[in-house]
Amino acid sequence: MNKTAYDIILRPVLSEKTYDSIADKKYTFEVDVRAGKTEIKAAIEEIFGVKVATVNTLRQEGKIKRQGRTQGRRPERKKAYVTLTKDSKAIEFFEGMAQ
């Protein structure tokens, strides 16, 4: 089964910390847990039309949550920290939010 770029990149991560890094052309996305760095790089370049310099990833195991006696786990997540090249244009989606 072929994954499209939109199957790999799930959503942007928008927080105070990620807003501060937008000026340095660093963006954070929640991605598919099974996606590799090369797939993430290709997907970002395809969706936004930018040049990616580096991709760093982070896997977060789901927290254990309880409701009375029953216990469960939140889903596992994977984040990708994407740095664009110096000559690349910025991602327009984030531009309105950074100000």
PDB file of N, CA and C in Angstrom:
ATOM      1  N   MET A   1       0.834  -1.185   0.000  1.00  0.00           N
ATOM      2  CA  MET A   1       0.000   0.000   0.000  1.00  0.00           C
ATOM      3  C   MET A   1       0.880   1.250   0.000  1.00  0.00           C
ATOM      4  N   ASN A   2       0.667   2.119  -0.953  1.00  0.00           N
ATOM      5  CA  ASN A   2       1.453   3.344  -1.043  1.00  0.00           C
ATOM      6  C   ASN A   2       0.856   4.431  -0.161  1.00  0.00           C
ATOM      7  N   LYS A   3       1.737   5.077   0.593  1.00  0.00           N
ATOM      8  CA  LYS A   3       1.310   6.184   1.440  1.00  0.00           C
ATOM      9  C   LYS A   3       1.515   7.483   0.683  1.00  0.00           C
ATOM     10  N   THR A   4       0.533   8.375   0.770  1.00  0.00           N
ATOM     11  CA  THR A   4       0.702   9.697   0.181  1.00  0.00           C
ATOM     12  C   THR A   4       1.385  10.598   1.200  1.00  0.00           C
ATOM     13  N   ALA A   5       1.782  11.769   0.758  1.00  0.00           N
ATOM     14  CA  ALA A   5       2.435  12.728   1.652  1.00  0.00           C
ATOM     15  C   ALA A   5       1.498  13.131   2.784  1.00  0.00           C
ATOM     16  N   TYR A   6       0.203  13.153   2.487  1.00  0.00           N
ATOM     17  CA  TYR A   6      -0.776  13.554   3.506  1.00  0.00           C
ATOM     18  C   TYR A   6      -1.044  12.440   4.509  1.00  0.00           C
ATOM     19  N   ASP A   7      -0.699  11.199   4.179  1.00  0.00           N
ATOM     20  CA  ASP A   7      -0.789  10.104   5.149  1.00  0.00           C
ATOM     21  C   ASP A   7       0.383  10.149   6.121  1.00  0.00           C
ATOM     22  N   ILE A   8       1.525  10.671   5.681  1.00  0.00           N
ATOM     23  CA  ILE A   8       2.735  10.726   6.514  1.00  0.00           C
ATOM     24  C   ILE A   8       2.676  11.913   7.470  1.00  0.00           C
ATOM     25  N   ILE A   9       2.363  13.105   6.961  1.00  0.00           N
ATOM     26  CA  ILE A   9       2.295  14.311   7.785  1.00  0.00           C
ATOM     27  C   ILE A   9       0.865  14.426   8.313  1.00  0.00           C
ATOM     28  N   LEU A  10       0.685  14.270   9.616  1.00  0.00           N
ATOM     29  CA  LEU A  10      -0.658  14.271  10.199  1.00  0.00           C
ATOM     30  C   LEU A  10      -1.138  15.679  10.537  1.00  0.00           C
ATOM     31  N   ARG A  11      -0.322  16.436  11.296  1.00  0.00           N
ATOM     32  CA  ARG A  11      -0.730  17.787  11.694  1.00  0.00           C
ATOM     33  C   ARG A  11       0.486  18.555  12.189  1.00  0.00           C
ATOM     34  N   PRO A  12       0.440  19.892  12.138  1.00  0.00           N
ATOM     35  CA  PRO A  12       1.520  20.674  12.736  1.00  0.00           C
ATOM     36  C   PRO A  12       1.373  20.708  14.249  1.00  0.00           C
ATOM     37  N   VAL A  13       2.488  20.827  14.941  1.00  0.00           N
ATOM     38  CA  VAL A  13       2.476  20.986  16.395  1.00  0.00           C
ATOM     39  C   VAL A  13       2.634  22.478  16.668  1.00  0.00           C
ATOM     40  N   LEU A  14       1.602  23.070  17.276  1.00  0.00           N
ATOM     41  CA  LEU A  14       1.600  24.515  17.511  1.00  0.00           C
ATOM     42  C   LEU A  14       1.647  24.777  19.005  1.00  0.00           C
ATOM     43  N   SER A  15       2.783  25.289  19.475  1.00  0.00           N
ATOM     44  CA  SER A  15       2.968  25.625  20.883  1.00  0.00           C
ATOM     45  C   SER A  15       3.894  26.835  20.960  1.00  0.00           C
ATOM     46  N   GLU A  16       4.084  27.356  22.168  1.00  0.00           N
ATOM     47  CA  GLU A  16       4.978  28.504  22.325  1.00  0.00           C
ATOM     48  C   GLU A  16       6.394  28.168  21.871  1.00  0.00           C
ATOM     49  N   LYS A  17       6.843  26.988  22.208  1.00  0.00           N
ATOM     50  CA  LYS A  17       8.200  26.571  21.845  1.00  0.00           C
ATOM     51  C   LYS A  17       8.362  26.468  20.326  1.00  0.00           C
ATOM     52  N   THR A  18       7.356  25.927  19.642  1.00  0.00           N
ATOM     53  CA  THR A  18       7.470  25.799  18.187  1.00  0.00           C
ATOM     54  C   THR A  18       7.342  27.150  17.492  1.00  0.00           C
ATOM     55  N   TYR A  19       6.535  28.077  18.052  1.00  0.00           N
ATOM     56  CA  TYR A  19       6.441  29.419  17.471  1.00  0.00           C
ATOM     57  C   TYR A  19       7.785  30.131  17.519  1.00  0.00           C
ATOM     58  N   ASP A  20       8.541  29.954  18.601  1.00  0.00           N
ATOM     59  CA  ASP A  20       9.846  30.610  18.737  1.00  0.00           C
ATOM     60  C   ASP A  20      10.848  30.115  17.704  1.00  0.00           C
ATOM     61  N   SER A  21      10.720  28.872  17.277  1.00  0.00           N
ATOM     62  CA  SER A  21      11.688  28.309  16.333  1.00  0.00           C
ATOM     63  C   SER A  21      11.332  28.589  14.877  1.00  0.00           C
ATOM     64  N   ILE A  22      10.140  29.130  14.608  1.00  0.00           N
ATOM     65  CA  ILE A  22       9.741  29.415  13.224  1.00  0.00           C
ATOM     66  C   ILE A  22      10.663  30.449  12.587  1.00  0.00           C
ATOM     67  N   ALA A  23      11.151  31.406  13.367  1.00  0.00           N
ATOM     68  CA  ALA A  23      12.061  32.436  12.837  1.00  0.00           C
ATOM     69  C   ALA A  23      13.357  31.820  12.301  1.00  0.00           C
ATOM     70  N   ASP A  24      13.775  30.677  12.878  1.00  0.00           N
ATOM     71  CA  ASP A  24      14.992  29.987  12.429  1.00  0.00           C
ATOM     72  C   ASP A  24      14.704  28.953  11.350  1.00  0.00           C
ATOM     73  N   LYS A  25      13.484  28.978  10.780  1.00  0.00           N
ATOM     74  CA  LYS A  25      13.040  28.027   9.754  1.00  0.00           C
ATOM     75  C   LYS A  25      13.038  26.593  10.271  1.00  0.00           C
ATOM     76  N   LYS A  26      12.602  26.438  11.529  1.00  0.00           N
ATOM     77  CA  LYS A  26      12.443  25.108  12.113  1.00  0.00           C
ATOM     78  C   LYS A  26      10.962  24.912  12.410  1.00  0.00           C
ATOM     79  N   TYR A  27      10.410  23.814  11.914  1.00  0.00           N
ATOM     80  CA  TYR A  27       8.986  23.538  12.058  1.00  0.00           C
ATOM     81  C   TYR A  27       8.800  22.162  12.682  1.00  0.00           C
ATOM     82  N   THR A  28       7.696  21.978  13.405  1.00  0.00           N
ATOM     83  CA  THR A  28       7.422  20.719  14.085  1.00  0.00           C
ATOM     84  C   THR A  28       6.099  20.159  13.584  1.00  0.00           C
ATOM     85  N   PHE A  29       6.106  18.862  13.254  1.00  0.00           N
ATOM     86  CA  PHE A  29       4.911  18.190  12.765  1.00  0.00           C
ATOM     87  C   PHE A  29       4.723  16.883  13.508  1.00  0.00           C
ATOM     88  N   GLU A  30       3.460  16.484  13.687  1.00  0.00           N
ATOM     89  CA  GLU A  30       3.165  15.141  14.156  1.00  0.00           C
ATOM     90  C   GLU A  30       3.055  14.281  12.903  1.00  0.00           C
ATOM     91  N   VAL A  31       3.784  13.167  12.891  1.00  0.00           N
ATOM     92  CA  VAL A  31       3.855  12.323  11.702  1.00  0.00           C
ATOM     93  C   VAL A  31       3.440  10.894  12.032  1.00  0.00           C
ATOM     94  N   ASP A  32       3.267  10.098  10.987  1.00  0.00           N
ATOM     95  CA  ASP A  32       2.920   8.685  11.153  1.00  0.00           C
ATOM     96  C   ASP A  32       4.051   7.982  11.896  1.00  0.00           C
ATOM     97  N   VAL A  33       3.699   7.114  12.842  1.00  0.00           N
ATOM     98  CA  VAL A  33       4.693   6.440  13.687  1.00  0.00           C
ATOM     99  C   VAL A  33       5.638   5.569  12.855  1.00  0.00           C
ATOM    100  N   ARG A  34       5.155   5.045  11.745  1.00  0.00           N
ATOM    101  CA  ARG A  34       5.975   4.142  10.915  1.00  0.00           C
ATOM    102  C   ARG A  34       6.808   4.865   9.863  1.00  0.00           C
ATOM    103  N   ALA A  35       6.695   6.193   9.758  1.00  0.00           N
ATOM    104  CA  ALA A  35       7.395   6.955   8.721  1.00  0.00           C
ATOM    105  C   ALA A  35       8.866   7.146   9.077  1.00  0.00           C
ATOM    106  N   GLY A  36       9.735   7.051   8.069  1.00  0.00           N
ATOM    107  CA  GLY A  36      11.160   7.288   8.239  1.00  0.00           C
ATOM    108  C   GLY A  36      11.518   8.726   7.895  1.00  0.00           C
ATOM    109  N   LYS A  37      12.754   9.103   8.205  1.00  0.00           N
ATOM    110  CA  LYS A  37      13.186  10.487   7.976  1.00  0.00           C
ATOM    111  C   LYS A  37      13.161  10.865   6.492  1.00  0.00           C
ATOM    112  N   THR A  38      13.557   9.944   5.621  1.00  0.00           N
ATOM    113  CA  THR A  38      13.566  10.256   4.185  1.00  0.00           C
ATOM    114  C   THR A  38      12.150  10.431   3.652  1.00  0.00           C
ATOM    115  N   GLU A  39      11.215   9.618   4.147  1.00  0.00           N
ATOM    116  CA  GLU A  39       9.808   9.761   3.748  1.00  0.00           C
ATOM    117  C   GLU A  39       9.251  11.097   4.223  1.00  0.00           C
ATOM    118  N   ILE A  40       9.585  11.487   5.452  1.00  0.00           N
ATOM    119  CA  ILE A  40       9.106  12.748   6.013  1.00  0.00           C
ATOM    120  C   ILE A  40       9.657  13.919   5.205  1.00  0.00           C
ATOM    121  N   LYS A  41      10.938  13.863   4.881  1.00  0.00           N
ATOM    122  CA  LYS A  41      11.573  14.931   4.092  1.00  0.00           C
ATOM    123  C   LYS A  41      10.883  15.076   2.736  1.00  0.00           C
ATOM    124  N   ALA A  42      10.654  13.964   2.046  1.00  0.00           N
ATOM    125  CA  ALA A  42      10.005  14.003   0.735  1.00  0.00           C
ATOM    126  C   ALA A  42       8.578  14.538   0.834  1.00  0.00           C
ATOM    127  N   ALA A  43       7.866  14.155   1.895  1.00  0.00           N
ATOM    128  CA  ALA A  43       6.479  14.597   2.069  1.00  0.00           C
ATOM    129  C   ALA A  43       6.401  16.102   2.322  1.00  0.00           C
ATOM    130  N   ILE A  44       7.289  16.634   3.164  1.00  0.00           N
ATOM    131  CA  ILE A  44       7.301  18.081   3.451  1.00  0.00           C
ATOM    132  C   ILE A  44       7.627  18.860   2.178  1.00  0.00           C
ATOM    133  N   GLU A  45       8.617  18.395   1.426  1.00  0.00           N
ATOM    134  CA  GLU A  45       8.993  19.076   0.189  1.00  0.00           C
ATOM    135  C   GLU A  45       7.859  19.043  -0.831  1.00  0.00           C
ATOM    136  N   GLU A  46       7.121  17.938  -0.876  1.00  0.00           N
ATOM    137  CA  GLU A  46       6.011  17.812  -1.826  1.00  0.00           C
ATOM    138  C   GLU A  46       4.829  18.704  -1.429  1.00  0.00           C
ATOM    139  N   ILE A  47       4.463  18.696  -0.160  1.00  0.00           N
ATOM    140  CA  ILE A  47       3.279  19.440   0.290  1.00  0.00           C
ATOM    141  C   ILE A  47       3.511  20.941   0.247  1.00  0.00           C
ATOM    142  N   PHE A  48       4.636  21.408   0.783  1.00  0.00           N
ATOM    143  CA  PHE A  48       4.856  22.846   0.952  1.00  0.00           C
ATOM    144  C   PHE A  48       5.764  23.466  -0.109  1.00  0.00           C
ATOM    145  N   GLY A  49       6.432  22.667  -0.929  1.00  0.00           N
ATOM    146  CA  GLY A  49       7.298  23.203  -1.971  1.00  0.00           C
ATOM    147  C   GLY A  49       8.521  23.917  -1.429  1.00  0.00           C
ATOM    148  N   VAL A  50       9.147  23.357  -0.396  1.00  0.00           N
ATOM    149  CA  VAL A  50      10.334  23.953   0.230  1.00  0.00           C
ATOM    150  C   VAL A  50      11.488  22.967   0.149  1.00  0.00           C
ATOM    151  N   LYS A  51      12.700  23.436   0.522  1.00  0.00           N
ATOM    152  CA  LYS A  51      13.874  22.567   0.574  1.00  0.00           C
ATOM    153  C   LYS A  51      14.192  22.261   2.036  1.00  0.00           C
ATOM    154  N   VAL A  52      14.266  20.974   2.375  1.00  0.00           N
ATOM    155  CA  VAL A  52      14.511  20.545   3.746  1.00  0.00           C
ATOM    156  C   VAL A  52      15.988  20.232   3.927  1.00  0.00           C
ATOM    157  N   ALA A  53      16.596  20.793   4.985  1.00  0.00           N
ATOM    158  CA  ALA A  53      18.003  20.511   5.285  1.00  0.00           C
ATOM    159  C   ALA A  53      18.119  19.277   6.177  1.00  0.00           C
ATOM    160  N   THR A  54      17.427  19.284   7.317  1.00  0.00           N
ATOM    161  CA  THR A  54      17.515  18.156   8.241  1.00  0.00           C
ATOM    162  C   THR A  54      16.134  17.798   8.789  1.00  0.00           C
ATOM    163  N   VAL A  55      16.023  16.534   9.208  1.00  0.00           N
ATOM    164  CA  VAL A  55      14.813  16.048   9.871  1.00  0.00           C
ATOM    165  C   VAL A  55      15.256  15.292  11.117  1.00  0.00           C
ATOM    166  N   ASN A  56      14.778  15.718  12.291  1.00  0.00           N
ATOM    167  CA  ASN A  56      15.013  15.002  13.544  1.00  0.00           C
ATOM    168  C   ASN A  56      13.672  14.472  14.017  1.00  0.00           C
ATOM    169  N   THR A  57      13.664  13.235  14.517  1.00  0.00           N
ATOM    170  CA  THR A  57      12.399  12.640  14.948  1.00  0.00           C
ATOM    171  C   THR A  57      12.446  12.276  16.423  1.00  0.00           C
ATOM    172  N   LEU A  58      11.248  12.170  17.008  1.00  0.00           N
ATOM    173  CA  LEU A  58      11.097  11.849  18.423  1.00  0.00           C
ATOM    174  C   LEU A  58       9.844  11.000  18.572  1.00  0.00           C
ATOM    175  N   ARG A  59       9.975   9.844  19.229  1.00  0.00           N
ATOM    176  CA  ARG A  59       8.814   8.988  19.498  1.00  0.00           C
ATOM    177  C   ARG A  59       8.411   9.144  20.949  1.00  0.00           C
ATOM    178  N   GLN A  60       7.114   9.343  21.180  1.00  0.00           N
ATOM    179  CA  GLN A  60       6.587   9.477  22.530  1.00  0.00           C
ATOM    180  C   GLN A  60       5.668   8.302  22.801  1.00  0.00           C
ATOM    181  N   GLU A  61       5.992   7.534  23.830  1.00  0.00           N
ATOM    182  CA  GLU A  61       5.138   6.431  24.224  1.00  0.00           C
ATOM    183  C   GLU A  61       3.902   7.006  24.904  1.00  0.00           C
ATOM    184  N   GLY A  62       2.760   6.386  24.712  1.00  0.00           N
ATOM    185  CA  GLY A  62       1.517   6.881  25.290  1.00  0.00           C
ATOM    186  C   GLY A  62       1.510   6.754  26.806  1.00  0.00           C
ATOM    187  N   LYS A  63       0.945   7.757  27.480  1.00  0.00           N
ATOM    188  CA  LYS A  63       0.856   7.728  28.939  1.00  0.00           C
ATOM    189  C   LYS A  63      -0.174   6.700  29.382  1.00  0.00           C
ATOM    190  N   ILE A  64       0.054   6.105  30.552  1.00  0.00           N
ATOM    191  CA  ILE A  64      -0.930   5.204  31.139  1.00  0.00           C
ATOM    192  C   ILE A  64      -1.968   6.054  31.863  1.00  0.00           C
ATOM    193  N   LYS A  65      -3.229   5.826  31.562  1.00  0.00           N
ATOM    194  CA  LYS A  65      -4.328   6.570  32.173  1.00  0.00           C
ATOM    195  C   LYS A  65      -5.279   5.593  32.852  1.00  0.00           C
ATOM    196  N   ARG A  66      -5.866   6.028  33.971  1.00  0.00           N
ATOM    197  CA  ARG A  66      -6.798   5.174  34.711  1.00  0.00           C
ATOM    198  C   ARG A  66      -8.149   5.844  34.828  1.00  0.00           C
ATOM    199  N   GLN A  67      -9.166   5.021  34.833  1.00  0.00           N
ATOM    200  CA  GLN A  67     -10.536   5.467  35.107  1.00  0.00           C
ATOM    201  C   GLN A  67     -11.093   4.444  36.083  1.00  0.00           C
ATOM    202  N   GLY A  68     -10.980   4.744  37.364  1.00  0.00           N
ATOM    203  CA  GLY A  68     -11.382   3.767  38.366  1.00  0.00           C
ATOM    204  C   GLY A  68     -10.424   2.593  38.373  1.00  0.00           C
ATOM    205  N   ARG A  69     -10.968   1.394  38.202  1.00  0.00           N
ATOM    206  CA  ARG A  69     -10.111   0.196  38.203  1.00  0.00           C
ATOM    207  C   ARG A  69      -9.517  -0.108  36.829  1.00  0.00           C
ATOM    208  N   THR A  70     -10.157   0.380  35.792  1.00  0.00           N
ATOM    209  CA  THR A  70      -9.662   0.074  34.446  1.00  0.00           C
ATOM    210  C   THR A  70      -8.498   0.976  34.092  1.00  0.00           C
ATOM    211  N   GLN A  71      -7.597   0.414  33.335  1.00  0.00           N
ATOM    212  CA  GLN A  71      -6.370   1.121  32.978  1.00  0.00           C
ATOM    213  C   GLN A  71      -6.172   0.991  31.473  1.00  0.00           C
ATOM    214  N   GLY A  72      -5.716   2.055  30.844  1.00  0.00           N
ATOM    215  CA  GLY A  72      -5.460   2.046  29.408  1.00  0.00           C
ATOM    216  C   GLY A  72      -4.269   2.912  29.083  1.00  0.00           C
ATOM    217  N   ARG A  73      -3.968   2.998  27.813  1.00  0.00           N
ATOM    218  CA  ARG A  73      -2.811   3.764  27.372  1.00  0.00           C
ATOM    219  C   ARG A  73      -3.224   4.696  26.254  1.00  0.00           C
ATOM    220  N   ARG A  74      -2.744   5.925  26.318  1.00  0.00           N
ATOM    221  CA  ARG A  74      -2.961   6.858  25.211  1.00  0.00           C
ATOM    222  C   ARG A  74      -2.138   6.395  24.014  1.00  0.00           C
ATOM    223  N   PRO A  75      -2.534   6.807  22.818  1.00  0.00           N
ATOM    224  CA  PRO A  75      -1.790   6.337  21.643  1.00  0.00           C
ATOM    225  C   PRO A  75      -0.363   6.898  21.586  1.00  0.00           C
ATOM    226  N   GLU A  76       0.508   6.135  20.965  1.00  0.00           N
ATOM    227  CA  GLU A  76       1.903   6.531  20.753  1.00  0.00           C
ATOM    228  C   GLU A  76       1.936   7.623  19.691  1.00  0.00           C
ATOM    229  N   ARG A  77       2.893   8.566  19.811  1.00  0.00           N
ATOM    230  CA  ARG A  77       3.009   9.660  18.845  1.00  0.00           C
ATOM    231  C   ARG A  77       4.441   9.754  18.339  1.00  0.00           C
ATOM    232  N   LYS A  78       4.592  10.339  17.165  1.00  0.00           N
ATOM    233  CA  LYS A  78       5.924  10.612  16.631  1.00  0.00           C
ATOM    234  C   LYS A  78       5.935  12.044  16.115  1.00  0.00           C
ATOM    235  N   LYS A  79       6.950  12.807  16.534  1.00  0.00           N
ATOM    236  CA  LYS A  79       7.100  14.187  16.087  1.00  0.00           C
ATOM    237  C   LYS A  79       8.321  14.286  15.186  1.00  0.00           C
ATOM    238  N   ALA A  80       8.250  15.190  14.221  1.00  0.00           N
ATOM    239  CA  ALA A  80       9.381  15.453  13.339  1.00  0.00           C
ATOM    240  C   ALA A  80       9.720  16.932  13.437  1.00  0.00           C
ATOM    241  N   TYR A  81      10.988  17.213  13.737  1.00  0.00           N
ATOM    242  CA  TYR A  81      11.495  18.583  13.768  1.00  0.00           C
ATOM    243  C   TYR A  81      12.219  18.806  12.445  1.00  0.00           C
ATOM    244  N   VAL A  82      11.660  19.677  11.596  1.00  0.00           N
ATOM    245  CA  VAL A  82      12.151  19.881  10.239  1.00  0.00           C
ATOM    246  C   VAL A  82      12.845  21.227  10.155  1.00  0.00           C
ATOM    247  N   THR A  83      14.092  21.238   9.685  1.00  0.00           N
ATOM    248  CA  THR A  83      14.843  22.472   9.470  1.00  0.00           C
ATOM    249  C   THR A  83      14.992  22.685   7.975  1.00  0.00           C
ATOM    250  N   LEU A  84      14.634  23.879   7.506  1.00  0.00           N
ATOM    251  CA  LEU A  84      14.749  24.194   6.085  1.00  0.00           C
ATOM    252  C   LEU A  84      16.130  24.759   5.781  1.00  0.00           C
ATOM    253  N   THR A  85      16.512  24.703   4.496  1.00  0.00           N
ATOM    254  CA  THR A  85      17.795  25.271   4.086  1.00  0.00           C
ATOM    255  C   THR A  85      17.717  26.797   4.149  1.00  0.00           C
ATOM    256  N   LYS A  86      18.882  27.445   4.171  1.00  0.00           N
ATOM    257  CA  LYS A  86      18.955  28.907   4.286  1.00  0.00           C
ATOM    258  C   LYS A  86      18.266  29.605   3.107  1.00  0.00           C
ATOM    259  N   ASP A  87      18.430  29.053   1.884  1.00  0.00           N
ATOM    260  CA  ASP A  87      17.865  29.698   0.698  1.00  0.00           C
ATOM    261  C   ASP A  87      16.421  29.286   0.416  1.00  0.00           C
ATOM    262  N   SER A  88      15.863  28.404   1.220  1.00  0.00           N
ATOM    263  CA  SER A  88      14.482  27.963   1.013  1.00  0.00           C
ATOM    264  C   SER A  88      13.511  29.024   1.500  1.00  0.00           C
ATOM    265  N   LYS A  89      12.349  29.085   0.841  1.00  0.00           N
ATOM    266  CA  LYS A  89      11.311  29.998   1.318  1.00  0.00           C
ATOM    267  C   LYS A  89      10.659  29.415   2.565  1.00  0.00           C
ATOM    268  N   ALA A  90      10.049  30.265   3.365  1.00  0.00           N
ATOM    269  CA  ALA A  90       9.386  29.809   4.592  1.00  0.00           C
ATOM    270  C   ALA A  90       8.065  29.136   4.233  1.00  0.00           C
ATOM    271  N   ILE A  91       7.539  28.330   5.135  1.00  0.00           N
ATOM    272  CA  ILE A  91       6.253  27.684   4.920  1.00  0.00           C
ATOM    273  C   ILE A  91       5.163  28.711   5.213  1.00  0.00           C
ATOM    274  N   GLU A  92       4.338  29.009   4.203  1.00  0.00           N
ATOM    275  CA  GLU A  92       3.361  30.092   4.308  1.00  0.00           C
ATOM    276  C   GLU A  92       2.289  29.806   5.350  1.00  0.00           C
ATOM    277  N   PHE A  93       1.988  28.544   5.583  1.00  0.00           N
ATOM    278  CA  PHE A  93       0.941  28.159   6.544  1.00  0.00           C
ATOM    279  C   PHE A  93       1.244  28.722   7.927  1.00  0.00           C
ATOM    280  N   PHE A  94       2.524  28.763   8.313  1.00  0.00           N
ATOM    281  CA  PHE A  94       2.916  29.218   9.643  1.00  0.00           C
ATOM    282  C   PHE A  94       3.122  30.727   9.717  1.00  0.00           C
ATOM    283  N   GLU A  95       3.265  31.393   8.577  1.00  0.00           N
ATOM    284  CA  GLU A  95       3.640  32.809   8.586  1.00  0.00           C
ATOM    285  C   GLU A  95       2.636  33.690   9.313  1.00  0.00           C
ATOM    286  N   GLY A  96       1.349  33.482   9.116  1.00  0.00           N
ATOM    287  CA  GLY A  96       0.331  34.306   9.760  1.00  0.00           C
ATOM    288  C   GLY A  96       0.277  34.078  11.256  1.00  0.00           C
ATOM    289  N   MET A  97       0.685  32.908  11.715  1.00  0.00           N
ATOM    290  CA  MET A  97       0.593  32.564  13.127  1.00  0.00           C
ATOM    291  C   MET A  97       1.786  33.061  13.927  1.00  0.00           C
ATOM    292  N   ALA A  98       2.920  33.260  13.287  1.00  0.00           N
ATOM    293  CA  ALA A  98       4.154  33.605  14.000  1.00  0.00           C
ATOM    294  C   ALA A  98       4.150  35.049  14.507  1.00  0.00           C
ATOM    295  N   GLN A  99       3.295  35.912  13.944  1.00  0.00           N
ATOM    296  CA  GLN A  99       3.312  37.303  14.355  1.00  0.00           C
ATOM    297  C   GLN A  99       2.483  37.576  15.571  1.00  0.00           C
TER     298      GLN A  99
END
